[in-house]
Amino acid sequence: MEVTNSVRERTIAENSLVTLLQGLHGEVTTVDLRDETTARGRVVNVDAFMNIRLESVLYRDRRGRISQLADLFVTGRNVRYVHIPDHIDIVETIQKRLEKIRRVRNHVDQGGGKKEYLKKKN
């Protein structure tokens, strides 16, 4: 599970529930889409804008036809609902994810990496 690289994405993720979805990395879940279709597969990546990449996907269209796909990318604006697997502890998942984001931020504060926030010019 990787931590988002850009400052903007880390800030968005840190202040929203997208951290929960990012914590589903490697889990098999179902994503309901706005066009009445569903996709069930293993979560490969979720970015701060809720774009989701799945692998080994079973895709069901509006008419109930099922297709098998190796890979599927869903844009965040097309996501209606993400099913959280029953065995996932939601609070623990969010806390672990926030710790990773903060670890990256603290690493920067200790002199590693580039500065998170630019200083204001006088």
PDB file of N, CA and C in Angstrom:
ATOM      1  N   MET A   1       0.854  -1.166   0.000  1.00  0.00           N
ATOM      2  CA  MET A   1       0.000   0.000   0.000  1.00  0.00           C
ATOM      3  C   MET A   1       0.901   1.230   0.000  1.00  0.00           C
ATOM      4  N   GLU A   2       0.768   2.039  -0.996  1.00  0.00           N
ATOM      5  CA  GLU A   2       1.617   3.217  -1.123  1.00  0.00           C
ATOM      6  C   GLU A   2       0.894   4.458  -0.643  1.00  0.00           C
ATOM      7  N   VAL A   3       1.682   5.425  -0.207  1.00  0.00           N
ATOM      8  CA  VAL A   3       1.129   6.707   0.210  1.00  0.00           C
ATOM      9  C   VAL A   3       1.187   7.637  -0.981  1.00  0.00           C
ATOM     10  N   THR A   4       0.132   8.409  -1.172  1.00  0.00           N
ATOM     11  CA  THR A   4       0.032   9.338  -2.285  1.00  0.00           C
ATOM     12  C   THR A   4       1.201  10.313  -2.249  1.00  0.00           C
ATOM     13  N   ASN A   5       1.740  10.639  -3.403  1.00  0.00           N
ATOM     14  CA  ASN A   5       2.934  11.464  -3.462  1.00  0.00           C
ATOM     15  C   ASN A   5       2.676  12.950  -3.342  1.00  0.00           C
ATOM     16  N   SER A   6       1.682  13.481  -4.000  1.00  0.00           N
ATOM     17  CA  SER A   6       1.531  14.932  -4.010  1.00  0.00           C
ATOM     18  C   SER A   6       0.942  15.442  -2.687  1.00  0.00           C
ATOM     19  N   VAL A   7       1.353  16.625  -2.327  1.00  0.00           N
ATOM     20  CA  VAL A   7       0.877  17.254  -1.095  1.00  0.00           C
ATOM     21  C   VAL A   7      -0.632  17.433  -1.154  1.00  0.00           C
ATOM     22  N   ARG A   8      -1.121  17.856  -2.300  1.00  0.00           N
ATOM     23  CA  ARG A   8      -2.561  18.091  -2.454  1.00  0.00           C
ATOM     24  C   ARG A   8      -3.361  16.807  -2.225  1.00  0.00           C
ATOM     25  N   GLU A   9      -2.901  15.702  -2.815  1.00  0.00           N
ATOM     26  CA  GLU A   9      -3.629  14.439  -2.656  1.00  0.00           C
ATOM     27  C   GLU A   9      -3.551  13.937  -1.226  1.00  0.00           C
ATOM     28  N   ARG A  10      -2.401  14.086  -0.572  1.00  0.00           N
ATOM     29  CA  ARG A  10      -2.289  13.659   0.828  1.00  0.00           C
ATOM     30  C   ARG A  10      -3.224  14.469   1.707  1.00  0.00           C
ATOM     31  N   THR A  11      -3.325  15.773   1.452  1.00  0.00           N
ATOM     32  CA  THR A  11      -4.200  16.632   2.249  1.00  0.00           C
ATOM     33  C   THR A  11      -5.663  16.256   2.051  1.00  0.00           C
ATOM     34  N   ILE A  12      -6.048  16.010   0.810  1.00  0.00           N
ATOM     35  CA  ILE A  12      -7.428  15.597   0.529  1.00  0.00           C
ATOM     36  C   ILE A  12      -7.726  14.271   1.218  1.00  0.00           C
ATOM     37  N   ALA A  13      -6.821  13.313   1.077  1.00  0.00           N
ATOM     38  CA  ALA A  13      -7.030  11.989   1.670  1.00  0.00           C
ATOM     39  C   ALA A  13      -7.097  12.063   3.189  1.00  0.00           C
ATOM     40  N   GLU A  14      -6.253  12.890   3.762  1.00  0.00           N
ATOM     41  CA  GLU A  14      -6.198  13.006   5.219  1.00  0.00           C
ATOM     42  C   GLU A  14      -7.480  13.598   5.791  1.00  0.00           C
ATOM     43  N   ASN A  15      -8.191  14.385   5.007  1.00  0.00           N
ATOM     44  CA  ASN A  15      -9.384  15.074   5.495  1.00  0.00           C
ATOM     45  C   ASN A  15     -10.681  14.510   4.934  1.00  0.00           C
ATOM     46  N   SER A  16     -10.650  13.277   4.439  1.00  0.00           N
ATOM     47  CA  SER A  16     -11.874  12.671   3.914  1.00  0.00           C
ATOM     48  C   SER A  16     -11.856  11.163   4.160  1.00  0.00           C
ATOM     49  N   LEU A  17     -12.962  10.534   3.883  1.00  0.00           N
ATOM     50  CA  LEU A  17     -13.069   9.087   4.076  1.00  0.00           C
ATOM     51  C   LEU A  17     -12.444   8.281   2.944  1.00  0.00           C
ATOM     52  N   VAL A  18     -11.824   8.961   1.987  1.00  0.00           N
ATOM     53  CA  VAL A  18     -11.137   8.232   0.925  1.00  0.00           C
ATOM     54  C   VAL A  18     -10.001   7.393   1.520  1.00  0.00           C
ATOM     55  N   THR A  19      -9.542   7.759   2.731  1.00  0.00           N
ATOM     56  CA  THR A  19      -8.511   6.962   3.400  1.00  0.00           C
ATOM     57  C   THR A  19      -9.005   5.545   3.666  1.00  0.00           C
ATOM     58  N   LEU A  20     -10.282   5.399   3.942  1.00  0.00           N
ATOM     59  CA  LEU A  20     -10.854   4.060   4.139  1.00  0.00           C
ATOM     60  C   LEU A  20     -10.748   3.247   2.856  1.00  0.00           C
ATOM     61  N   LEU A  21     -11.092   3.853   1.733  1.00  0.00           N
ATOM     62  CA  LEU A  21     -11.006   3.137   0.459  1.00  0.00           C
ATOM     63  C   LEU A  21      -9.562   2.798   0.117  1.00  0.00           C
ATOM     64  N   GLN A  22      -8.640   3.694   0.423  1.00  0.00           N
ATOM     65  CA  GLN A  22      -7.227   3.415   0.176  1.00  0.00           C
ATOM     66  C   GLN A  22      -6.749   2.263   1.050  1.00  0.00           C
ATOM     67  N   GLY A  23      -7.344   2.102   2.205  1.00  0.00           N
ATOM     68  CA  GLY A  23      -7.002   0.997   3.093  1.00  0.00           C
ATOM     69  C   GLY A  23      -7.498  -0.347   2.602  1.00  0.00           C
ATOM     70  N   LEU A  24      -8.325  -0.362   1.573  1.00  0.00           N
ATOM     71  CA  LEU A  24      -8.831  -1.612   1.006  1.00  0.00           C
ATOM     72  C   LEU A  24      -7.867  -2.224  -0.006  1.00  0.00           C
ATOM     73  N   HIS A  25      -6.687  -1.637  -0.153  1.00  0.00           N
ATOM     74  CA  HIS A  25      -5.689  -2.128  -1.106  1.00  0.00           C
ATOM     75  C   HIS A  25      -5.473  -3.635  -0.917  1.00  0.00           C
ATOM     76  N   GLY A  26      -5.628  -4.392  -1.997  1.00  0.00           N
ATOM     77  CA  GLY A  26      -5.438  -5.836  -1.954  1.00  0.00           C
ATOM     78  C   GLY A  26      -6.683  -6.630  -1.601  1.00  0.00           C
ATOM     79  N   GLU A  27      -7.736  -5.967  -1.194  1.00  0.00           N
ATOM     80  CA  GLU A  27      -8.990  -6.634  -0.819  1.00  0.00           C
ATOM     81  C   GLU A  27      -9.908  -6.775  -2.033  1.00  0.00           C
ATOM     82  N   VAL A  28     -10.730  -7.812  -2.015  1.00  0.00           N
ATOM     83  CA  VAL A  28     -11.746  -7.982  -3.053  1.00  0.00           C
ATOM     84  C   VAL A  28     -13.010  -7.278  -2.579  1.00  0.00           C
ATOM     85  N   THR A  29     -13.537  -6.403  -3.412  1.00  0.00           N
ATOM     86  CA  THR A  29     -14.725  -5.648  -3.047  1.00  0.00           C
ATOM     87  C   THR A  29     -15.588  -5.391  -4.279  1.00  0.00           C
ATOM     88  N   THR A  30     -16.789  -4.911  -4.041  1.00  0.00           N
ATOM     89  CA  THR A  30     -17.713  -4.584  -5.119  1.00  0.00           C
ATOM     90  C   THR A  30     -17.907  -3.072  -5.165  1.00  0.00           C
ATOM     91  N   VAL A  31     -17.859  -2.533  -6.388  1.00  0.00           N
ATOM     92  CA  VAL A  31     -18.074  -1.105  -6.597  1.00  0.00           C
ATOM     93  C   VAL A  31     -19.328  -0.948  -7.454  1.00  0.00           C
ATOM     94  N   ASP A  32     -20.334  -0.254  -6.923  1.00  0.00           N
ATOM     95  CA  ASP A  32     -21.547   0.045  -7.690  1.00  0.00           C
ATOM     96  C   ASP A  32     -21.318   1.370  -8.406  1.00  0.00           C
ATOM     97  N   LEU A  33     -21.642   1.392  -9.690  1.00  0.00           N
ATOM     98  CA  LEU A  33     -21.427   2.595 -10.490  1.00  0.00           C
ATOM     99  C   LEU A  33     -22.733   3.341 -10.718  1.00  0.00           C
ATOM    100  N   ARG A  34     -22.621   4.601 -11.072  1.00  0.00           N
ATOM    101  CA  ARG A  34     -23.799   5.453 -11.262  1.00  0.00           C
ATOM    102  C   ARG A  34     -24.689   4.990 -12.409  1.00  0.00           C
ATOM    103  N   ASP A  35     -24.141   4.261 -13.355  1.00  0.00           N
ATOM    104  CA  ASP A  35     -24.936   3.825 -14.511  1.00  0.00           C
ATOM    105  C   ASP A  35     -25.580   2.456 -14.283  1.00  0.00           C
ATOM    106  N   GLU A  36     -25.766   2.082 -13.003  1.00  0.00           N
ATOM    107  CA  GLU A  36     -26.441   0.842 -12.619  1.00  0.00           C
ATOM    108  C   GLU A  36     -25.628  -0.411 -12.902  1.00  0.00           C
ATOM    109  N   THR A  37     -24.322  -0.291 -13.115  1.00  0.00           N
ATOM    110  CA  THR A  37     -23.473  -1.451 -13.311  1.00  0.00           C
ATOM    111  C   THR A  37     -22.665  -1.692 -12.045  1.00  0.00           C
ATOM    112  N   THR A  38     -22.086  -2.890 -11.927  1.00  0.00           N
ATOM    113  CA  THR A  38     -21.240  -3.203 -10.780  1.00  0.00           C
ATOM    114  C   THR A  38     -19.950  -3.849 -11.263  1.00  0.00           C
ATOM    115  N   ALA A  39     -18.924  -3.678 -10.458  1.00  0.00           N
ATOM    116  CA  ALA A  39     -17.634  -4.301 -10.738  1.00  0.00           C
ATOM    117  C   ALA A  39     -17.120  -4.899  -9.441  1.00  0.00           C
ATOM    118  N   ARG A  40     -16.734  -6.163  -9.501  1.00  0.00           N
ATOM    119  CA  ARG A  40     -16.183  -6.834  -8.325  1.00  0.00           C
ATOM    120  C   ARG A  40     -14.773  -7.293  -8.659  1.00  0.00           C
ATOM    121  N   GLY A  41     -13.822  -6.842  -7.866  1.00  0.00           N
ATOM    122  CA  GLY A  41     -12.439  -7.213  -8.116  1.00  0.00           C
ATOM    123  C   GLY A  41     -11.535  -6.812  -6.974  1.00  0.00           C
ATOM    124  N   ARG A  42     -10.253  -7.094  -7.150  1.00  0.00           N
ATOM    125  CA  ARG A  42      -9.244  -6.772  -6.139  1.00  0.00           C
ATOM    126  C   ARG A  42      -8.785  -5.328  -6.327  1.00  0.00           C
ATOM    127  N   VAL A  43      -8.781  -4.565  -5.253  1.00  0.00           N
ATOM    128  CA  VAL A  43      -8.393  -3.156  -5.294  1.00  0.00           C
ATOM    129  C   VAL A  43      -6.876  -3.066  -5.471  1.00  0.00           C
ATOM    130  N   VAL A  44      -6.460  -2.408  -6.550  1.00  0.00           N
ATOM    131  CA  VAL A  44      -5.039  -2.193  -6.824  1.00  0.00           C
ATOM    132  C   VAL A  44      -4.614  -0.814  -6.347  1.00  0.00           C
ATOM    133  N   ASN A  45      -5.468   0.184  -6.584  1.00  0.00           N
ATOM    134  CA  ASN A  45      -5.104   1.554  -6.225  1.00  0.00           C
ATOM    135  C   ASN A  45      -6.362   2.408  -6.083  1.00  0.00           C
ATOM    136  N   VAL A  46      -6.324   3.327  -5.131  1.00  0.00           N
ATOM    137  CA  VAL A  46      -7.363   4.346  -4.970  1.00  0.00           C
ATOM    138  C   VAL A  46      -6.633   5.656  -4.725  1.00  0.00           C
ATOM    139  N   ASP A  47      -6.920   6.677  -5.527  1.00  0.00           N
ATOM    140  CA  ASP A  47      -6.267   7.963  -5.293  1.00  0.00           C
ATOM    141  C   ASP A  47      -7.188   8.882  -4.495  1.00  0.00           C
ATOM    142  N   ALA A  48      -6.708  10.078  -4.211  1.00  0.00           N
ATOM    143  CA  ALA A  48      -7.455  11.019  -3.369  1.00  0.00           C
ATOM    144  C   ALA A  48      -8.747  11.494  -4.012  1.00  0.00           C
ATOM    145  N   PHE A  49      -8.878  11.316  -5.327  1.00  0.00           N
ATOM    146  CA  PHE A  49     -10.082  11.743  -6.033  1.00  0.00           C
ATOM    147  C   PHE A  49     -11.051  10.575  -6.221  1.00  0.00           C
ATOM    148  N   MET A  50     -10.810   9.486  -5.491  1.00  0.00           N
ATOM    149  CA  MET A  50     -11.630   8.285  -5.478  1.00  0.00           C
ATOM    150  C   MET A  50     -11.642   7.549  -6.814  1.00  0.00           C
ATOM    151  N   ASN A  51     -10.635   7.757  -7.642  1.00  0.00           N
ATOM    152  CA  ASN A  51     -10.465   6.931  -8.834  1.00  0.00           C
ATOM    153  C   ASN A  51      -9.980   5.577  -8.347  1.00  0.00           C
ATOM    154  N   ILE A  52     -10.619   4.521  -8.823  1.00  0.00           N
ATOM    155  CA  ILE A  52     -10.331   3.181  -8.321  1.00  0.00           C
ATOM    156  C   ILE A  52      -9.856   2.298  -9.464  1.00  0.00           C
ATOM    157  N   ARG A  53      -8.758   1.565  -9.214  1.00  0.00           N
ATOM    158  CA  ARG A  53      -8.271   0.593 -10.194  1.00  0.00           C
ATOM    159  C   ARG A  53      -8.421  -0.791  -9.592  1.00  0.00           C
ATOM    160  N   LEU A  54      -9.122  -1.667 -10.328  1.00  0.00           N
ATOM    161  CA  LEU A  54      -9.372  -3.034  -9.886  1.00  0.00           C
ATOM    162  C   LEU A  54      -8.712  -4.014 -10.841  1.00  0.00           C
ATOM    163  N   GLU A  55      -8.378  -5.221 -10.337  1.00  0.00           N
ATOM    164  CA  GLU A  55      -7.874  -6.280 -11.193  1.00  0.00           C
ATOM    165  C   GLU A  55      -8.719  -7.539 -10.968  1.00  0.00           C
ATOM    166  N   SER A  56      -8.666  -8.462 -11.928  1.00  0.00           N
ATOM    167  CA  SER A  56      -9.475  -9.701 -11.880  1.00  0.00           C
ATOM    168  C   SER A  56     -10.941  -9.362 -11.629  1.00  0.00           C
ATOM    169  N   VAL A  57     -11.525  -8.619 -12.532  1.00  0.00           N
ATOM    170  CA  VAL A  57     -12.838  -8.011 -12.335  1.00  0.00           C
ATOM    171  C   VAL A  57     -13.955  -8.828 -12.980  1.00  0.00           C
ATOM    172  N   LEU A  58     -15.052  -8.975 -12.235  1.00  0.00           N
ATOM    173  CA  LEU A  58     -16.317  -9.452 -12.789  1.00  0.00           C
ATOM    174  C   LEU A  58     -17.203  -8.224 -12.933  1.00  0.00           C
ATOM    175  N   TYR A  59     -17.525  -7.883 -14.164  1.00  0.00           N
ATOM    176  CA  TYR A  59     -18.285  -6.667 -14.458  1.00  0.00           C
ATOM    177  C   TYR A  59     -19.688  -7.066 -14.890  1.00  0.00           C
ATOM    178  N   ARG A  60     -20.706  -6.517 -14.210  1.00  0.00           N
ATOM    179  CA  ARG A  60     -22.099  -6.804 -14.553  1.00  0.00           C
ATOM    180  C   ARG A  60     -22.732  -5.531 -15.072  1.00  0.00           C
ATOM    181  N   ASP A  61     -23.240  -5.584 -16.300  1.00  0.00           N
ATOM    182  CA  ASP A  61     -23.865  -4.392 -16.883  1.00  0.00           C
ATOM    183  C   ASP A  61     -25.320  -4.270 -16.435  1.00  0.00           C
ATOM    184  N   ARG A  62     -26.006  -3.262 -16.941  1.00  0.00           N
ATOM    185  CA  ARG A  62     -27.399  -2.995 -16.543  1.00  0.00           C
ATOM    186  C   ARG A  62     -28.346  -4.146 -16.837  1.00  0.00           C
ATOM    187  N   ARG A  63     -28.061  -4.865 -17.880  1.00  0.00           N
ATOM    188  CA  ARG A  63     -28.951  -5.967 -18.273  1.00  0.00           C
ATOM    189  C   ARG A  63     -28.595  -7.284 -17.599  1.00  0.00           C
ATOM    190  N   GLY A  64     -27.585  -7.279 -16.737  1.00  0.00           N
ATOM    191  CA  GLY A  64     -27.212  -8.472 -15.996  1.00  0.00           C
ATOM    192  C   GLY A  64     -26.164  -9.334 -16.673  1.00  0.00           C
ATOM    193  N   ARG A  65     -25.674  -8.904 -17.832  1.00  0.00           N
ATOM    194  CA  ARG A  65     -24.627  -9.671 -18.520  1.00  0.00           C
ATOM    195  C   ARG A  65     -23.315  -9.509 -17.772  1.00  0.00           C
ATOM    196  N   ILE A  66     -22.616 -10.612 -17.590  1.00  0.00           N
ATOM    197  CA  ILE A  66     -21.371 -10.599 -16.835  1.00  0.00           C
ATOM    198  C   ILE A  66     -20.189 -10.749 -17.786  1.00  0.00           C
ATOM    199  N   SER A  67     -19.193  -9.906 -17.583  1.00  0.00           N
ATOM    200  CA  SER A  67     -17.951  -9.966 -18.357  1.00  0.00           C
ATOM    201  C   SER A  67     -16.799 -10.101 -17.380  1.00  0.00           C
ATOM    202  N   GLN A  68     -15.766 -10.804 -17.810  1.00  0.00           N
ATOM    203  CA  GLN A  68     -14.571 -10.917 -16.999  1.00  0.00           C
ATOM    204  C   GLN A  68     -13.488 -10.034 -17.596  1.00  0.00           C
ATOM    205  N   LEU A  69     -12.900  -9.165 -16.767  1.00  0.00           N
ATOM    206  CA  LEU A  69     -11.880  -8.224 -17.219  1.00  0.00           C
ATOM    207  C   LEU A  69     -10.621  -8.405 -16.382  1.00  0.00           C
ATOM    208  N   ALA A  70      -9.479  -8.255 -17.012  1.00  0.00           N
ATOM    209  CA  ALA A  70      -8.222  -8.351 -16.279  1.00  0.00           C
ATOM    210  C   ALA A  70      -8.003  -7.117 -15.411  1.00  0.00           C
ATOM    211  N   ASP A  71      -8.437  -5.953 -15.909  1.00  0.00           N
ATOM    212  CA  ASP A  71      -8.148  -4.688 -15.252  1.00  0.00           C
ATOM    213  C   ASP A  71      -9.288  -3.710 -15.537  1.00  0.00           C
ATOM    214  N   LEU A  72      -9.646  -2.884 -14.551  1.00  0.00           N
ATOM    215  CA  LEU A  72     -10.695  -1.886 -14.755  1.00  0.00           C
ATOM    216  C   LEU A  72     -10.346  -0.630 -13.964  1.00  0.00           C
ATOM    217  N   PHE A  73     -10.465   0.520 -14.631  1.00  0.00           N
ATOM    218  CA  PHE A  73     -10.252   1.815 -13.981  1.00  0.00           C
ATOM    219  C   PHE A  73     -11.590   2.529 -13.925  1.00  0.00           C
ATOM    220  N   VAL A  74     -11.992   2.935 -12.724  1.00  0.00           N
ATOM    221  CA  VAL A  74     -13.262   3.635 -12.526  1.00  0.00           C
ATOM    222  C   VAL A  74     -12.955   5.040 -12.025  1.00  0.00           C
ATOM    223  N   THR A  75     -13.452   6.049 -12.732  1.00  0.00           N
ATOM    224  CA  THR A  75     -13.246   7.419 -12.266  1.00  0.00           C
ATOM    225  C   THR A  75     -14.144   7.693 -11.060  1.00  0.00           C
ATOM    226  N   GLY A  76     -13.640   8.525 -10.165  1.00  0.00           N
ATOM    227  CA  GLY A  76     -14.347   8.810  -8.924  1.00  0.00           C
ATOM    228  C   GLY A  76     -15.753   9.334  -9.118  1.00  0.00           C
ATOM    229  N   ARG A  77     -15.970  10.109 -10.162  1.00  0.00           N
ATOM    230  CA  ARG A  77     -17.305  10.686 -10.365  1.00  0.00           C
ATOM    231  C   ARG A  77     -18.333   9.636 -10.788  1.00  0.00           C
ATOM    232  N   ASN A  78     -17.883   8.465 -11.204  1.00  0.00           N
ATOM    233  CA  ASN A  78     -18.800   7.401 -11.604  1.00  0.00           C
ATOM    234  C   ASN A  78     -19.116   6.412 -10.490  1.00  0.00           C
ATOM    235  N   VAL A  79     -18.495   6.573  -9.330  1.00  0.00           N
ATOM    236  CA  VAL A  79     -18.712   5.656  -8.214  1.00  0.00           C
ATOM    237  C   VAL A  79     -19.969   6.064  -7.455  1.00  0.00           C
ATOM    238  N   ARG A  80     -20.872   5.112  -7.296  1.00  0.00           N
ATOM    239  CA  ARG A  80     -22.060   5.352  -6.470  1.00  0.00           C
ATOM    240  C   ARG A  80     -21.822   4.847  -5.059  1.00  0.00           C
ATOM    241  N   TYR A  81     -21.243   3.650  -4.947  1.00  0.00           N
ATOM    242  CA  TYR A  81     -21.124   3.000  -3.647  1.00  0.00           C
ATOM    243  C   TYR A  81     -19.990   1.997  -3.696  1.00  0.00           C
ATOM    244  N   VAL A  82     -19.224   1.905  -2.626  1.00  0.00           N
ATOM    245  CA  VAL A  82     -18.186   0.881  -2.499  1.00  0.00           C
ATOM    246  C   VAL A  82     -18.551   0.006  -1.309  1.00  0.00           C
ATOM    247  N   HIS A  83     -18.665  -1.285  -1.546  1.00  0.00           N
ATOM    248  CA  HIS A  83     -18.992  -2.233  -0.485  1.00  0.00           C
ATOM    249  C   HIS A  83     -17.736  -2.509   0.335  1.00  0.00           C
ATOM    250  N   ILE A  84     -17.798  -2.265   1.631  1.00  0.00           N
ATOM    251  CA  ILE A  84     -16.676  -2.542   2.522  1.00  0.00           C
ATOM    252  C   ILE A  84     -16.842  -3.982   3.012  1.00  0.00           C
ATOM    253  N   PRO A  85     -15.833  -4.846   2.792  1.00  0.00           N
ATOM    254  CA  PRO A  85     -15.951  -6.235   3.249  1.00  0.00           C
ATOM    255  C   PRO A  85     -16.208  -6.312   4.751  1.00  0.00           C
ATOM    256  N   ASP A  86     -16.964  -7.336   5.169  1.00  0.00           N
ATOM    257  CA  ASP A  86     -17.355  -7.475   6.574  1.00  0.00           C
ATOM    258  C   ASP A  86     -16.170  -7.610   7.523  1.00  0.00           C
ATOM    259  N   HIS A  87     -15.086  -8.230   7.077  1.00  0.00           N
ATOM    260  CA  HIS A  87     -13.957  -8.479   7.975  1.00  0.00           C
ATOM    261  C   HIS A  87     -13.063  -7.254   8.176  1.00  0.00           C
ATOM    262  N   ILE A  88     -13.345  -6.156   7.490  1.00  0.00           N
ATOM    263  CA  ILE A  88     -12.546  -4.937   7.620  1.00  0.00           C
ATOM    264  C   ILE A  88     -13.013  -4.139   8.834  1.00  0.00           C
ATOM    265  N   ASP A  89     -12.073  -3.815   9.727  1.00  0.00           N
ATOM    266  CA  ASP A  89     -12.356  -2.936  10.852  1.00  0.00           C
ATOM    267  C   ASP A  89     -12.166  -1.504  10.354  1.00  0.00           C
ATOM    268  N   ILE A  90     -13.254  -0.788  10.194  1.00  0.00           N
ATOM    269  CA  ILE A  90     -13.232   0.526   9.555  1.00  0.00           C
ATOM    270  C   ILE A  90     -12.351   1.511  10.318  1.00  0.00           C
ATOM    271  N   VAL A  91     -12.522   1.600  11.631  1.00  0.00           N
ATOM    272  CA  VAL A  91     -11.761   2.564  12.427  1.00  0.00           C
ATOM    273  C   VAL A  91     -10.271   2.251  12.368  1.00  0.00           C
ATOM    274  N   GLU A  92      -9.912   0.988  12.519  1.00  0.00           N
ATOM    275  CA  GLU A  92      -8.505   0.590  12.483  1.00  0.00           C
ATOM    276  C   GLU A  92      -7.887   0.866  11.115  1.00  0.00           C
ATOM    277  N   THR A  93      -8.626   0.604  10.054  1.00  0.00           N
ATOM    278  CA  THR A  93      -8.141   0.846   8.696  1.00  0.00           C
ATOM    279  C   THR A  93      -7.866   2.324   8.473  1.00  0.00           C
ATOM    280  N   ILE A  94      -8.770   3.178   8.898  1.00  0.00           N
ATOM    281  CA  ILE A  94      -8.580   4.623   8.744  1.00  0.00           C
ATOM    282  C   ILE A  94      -7.374   5.090   9.566  1.00  0.00           C
ATOM    283  N   GLN A  95      -7.246   4.603  10.802  1.00  0.00           N
ATOM    284  CA  GLN A  95      -6.132   5.013  11.650  1.00  0.00           C
ATOM    285  C   GLN A  95      -4.787   4.602  11.056  1.00  0.00           C
ATOM    286  N   LYS A  96      -4.684   3.385  10.531  1.00  0.00           N
ATOM    287  CA  LYS A  96      -3.433   2.920   9.917  1.00  0.00           C
ATOM    288  C   LYS A  96      -3.073   3.779   8.715  1.00  0.00           C
ATOM    289  N   ARG A  97      -4.061   4.103   7.934  1.00  0.00           N
ATOM    290  CA  ARG A  97      -3.839   4.906   6.727  1.00  0.00           C
ATOM    291  C   ARG A  97      -3.371   6.320   7.090  1.00  0.00           C
ATOM    292  N   LEU A  98      -4.006   6.920   8.101  1.00  0.00           N
ATOM    293  CA  LEU A  98      -3.612   8.259   8.545  1.00  0.00           C
ATOM    294  C   LEU A  98      -2.200   8.253   9.120  1.00  0.00           C
ATOM    295  N   GLU A  99      -1.828   7.170   9.818  1.00  0.00           N
ATOM    296  CA  GLU A  99      -0.465   7.057  10.345  1.00  0.00           C
ATOM    297  C   GLU A  99       0.557   7.072   9.209  1.00  0.00           C
ATOM    298  N   LYS A 100       0.255   6.377   8.119  1.00  0.00           N
ATOM    299  CA  LYS A 100       1.172   6.353   6.980  1.00  0.00           C
ATOM    300  C   LYS A 100       1.318   7.742   6.367  1.00  0.00           C
ATOM    301  N   ILE A 101       0.208   8.450   6.228  1.00  0.00           N
ATOM    302  CA  ILE A 101       0.266   9.802   5.669  1.00  0.00           C
ATOM    303  C   ILE A 101       1.088  10.704   6.585  1.00  0.00           C
ATOM    304  N   ARG A 102       0.862  10.609   7.876  1.00  0.00           N
ATOM    305  CA  ARG A 102       1.583  11.457   8.827  1.00  0.00           C
ATOM    306  C   ARG A 102       3.059  11.100   8.904  1.00  0.00           C
ATOM    307  N   ARG A 103       3.379   9.801   8.716  1.00  0.00           N
ATOM    308  CA  ARG A 103       4.774   9.384   8.704  1.00  0.00           C
ATOM    309  C   ARG A 103       5.528  10.058   7.557  1.00  0.00           C
ATOM    310  N   VAL A 104       4.882  10.149   6.398  1.00  0.00           N
ATOM    311  CA  VAL A 104       5.497  10.821   5.258  1.00  0.00           C
ATOM    312  C   VAL A 104       5.688  12.297   5.578  1.00  0.00           C
ATOM    313  N   ARG A 105       4.674  12.906   6.167  1.00  0.00           N
ATOM    314  CA  ARG A 105       4.757  14.326   6.518  1.00  0.00           C
ATOM    315  C   ARG A 105       5.855  14.556   7.551  1.00  0.00           C
ATOM    316  N   ASN A 106       5.969  13.687   8.561  1.00  0.00           N
ATOM    317  CA  ASN A 106       6.994  13.837   9.594  1.00  0.00           C
ATOM    318  C   ASN A 106       8.388  13.618   9.024  1.00  0.00           C
ATOM    319  N   HIS A 107       8.522  12.708   8.078  1.00  0.00           N
ATOM    320  CA  HIS A 107       9.809  12.469   7.419  1.00  0.00           C
ATOM    321  C   HIS A 107      10.295  13.752   6.756  1.00  0.00           C
ATOM    322  N   VAL A 108       9.384  14.463   6.144  1.00  0.00           N
ATOM    323  CA  VAL A 108       9.722  15.728   5.495  1.00  0.00           C
ATOM    324  C   VAL A 108      10.150  16.750   6.542  1.00  0.00           C
ATOM    325  N   ASP A 109       9.441  16.801   7.677  1.00  0.00           N
ATOM    326  CA  ASP A 109       9.768  17.760   8.728  1.00  0.00           C
ATOM    327  C   ASP A 109      11.136  17.491   9.346  1.00  0.00           C
ATOM    328  N   GLN A 110      11.608  16.243   9.288  1.00  0.00           N
ATOM    329  CA  GLN A 110      12.901  15.887   9.871  1.00  0.00           C
ATOM    330  C   GLN A 110      14.043  16.050   8.874  1.00  0.00           C
ATOM    331  N   GLY A 111      13.784  16.716   7.768  1.00  0.00           N
ATOM    332  CA  GLY A 111      14.847  17.014   6.832  1.00  0.00           C
ATOM    333  C   GLY A 111      14.884  16.123   5.606  1.00  0.00           C
ATOM    334  N   GLY A 112      14.095  15.059   5.569  1.00  0.00           N
ATOM    335  CA  GLY A 112      14.072  14.191   4.401  1.00  0.00           C
ATOM    336  C   GLY A 112      13.026  14.662   3.415  1.00  0.00           C
ATOM    337  N   GLY A 113      13.270  14.485   2.143  1.00  0.00           N
ATOM    338  CA  GLY A 113      12.287  14.851   1.129  1.00  0.00           C
ATOM    339  C   GLY A 113      12.169  16.348   0.945  1.00  0.00           C
ATOM    340  N   LYS A 114      11.174  16.764   0.168  1.00  0.00           N
ATOM    341  CA  LYS A 114      10.995  18.196  -0.070  1.00  0.00           C
ATOM    342  C   LYS A 114      10.002  18.777   0.929  1.00  0.00           C
ATOM    343  N   LYS A 115      10.020  20.063   1.085  1.00  0.00           N
ATOM    344  CA  LYS A 115       9.154  20.734   2.057  1.00  0.00           C
ATOM    345  C   LYS A 115       7.687  20.617   1.643  1.00  0.00           C
ATOM    346  N   GLU A 116       6.841  20.393   2.634  1.00  0.00           N
ATOM    347  CA  GLU A 116       5.409  20.248   2.384  1.00  0.00           C
ATOM    348  C   GLU A 116       4.759  21.581   2.033  1.00  0.00           C
ATOM    349  N   TYR A 117       5.069  22.606   2.773  1.00  0.00           N
ATOM    350  CA  TYR A 117       4.396  23.889   2.581  1.00  0.00           C
ATOM    351  C   TYR A 117       5.433  24.950   2.232  1.00  0.00           C
ATOM    352  N   LEU A 118       5.122  25.739   1.260  1.00  0.00           N
ATOM    353  CA  LEU A 118       6.014  26.817   0.870  1.00  0.00           C
ATOM    354  C   LEU A 118       5.875  27.974   1.846  1.00  0.00           C
ATOM    355  N   LYS A 119       7.006  28.623   2.133  1.00  0.00           N
ATOM    356  CA  LYS A 119       6.956  29.785   3.027  1.00  0.00           C
ATOM    357  C   LYS A 119       6.425  30.989   2.262  1.00  0.00           C
ATOM    358  N   LYS A 120       5.659  31.810   2.962  1.00  0.00           N
ATOM    359  CA  LYS A 120       5.131  33.026   2.332  1.00  0.00           C
ATOM    360  C   LYS A 120       6.244  34.028   2.136  1.00  0.00           C
ATOM    361  N   LYS A 121       6.195  34.701   1.002  1.00  0.00           N
ATOM    362  CA  LYS A 121       7.175  35.746   0.743  1.00  0.00           C
ATOM    363  C   LYS A 121       6.708  37.026   1.411  1.00  0.00           C
ATOM    364  N   ASN A 122       7.639  37.762   1.975  1.00  0.00           N
ATOM    365  CA  ASN A 122       7.286  39.027   2.658  1.00  0.00           C
ATOM    366  C   ASN A 122       7.113  40.141   1.695  1.00  0.00           C
TER     367      ASN A 122
END
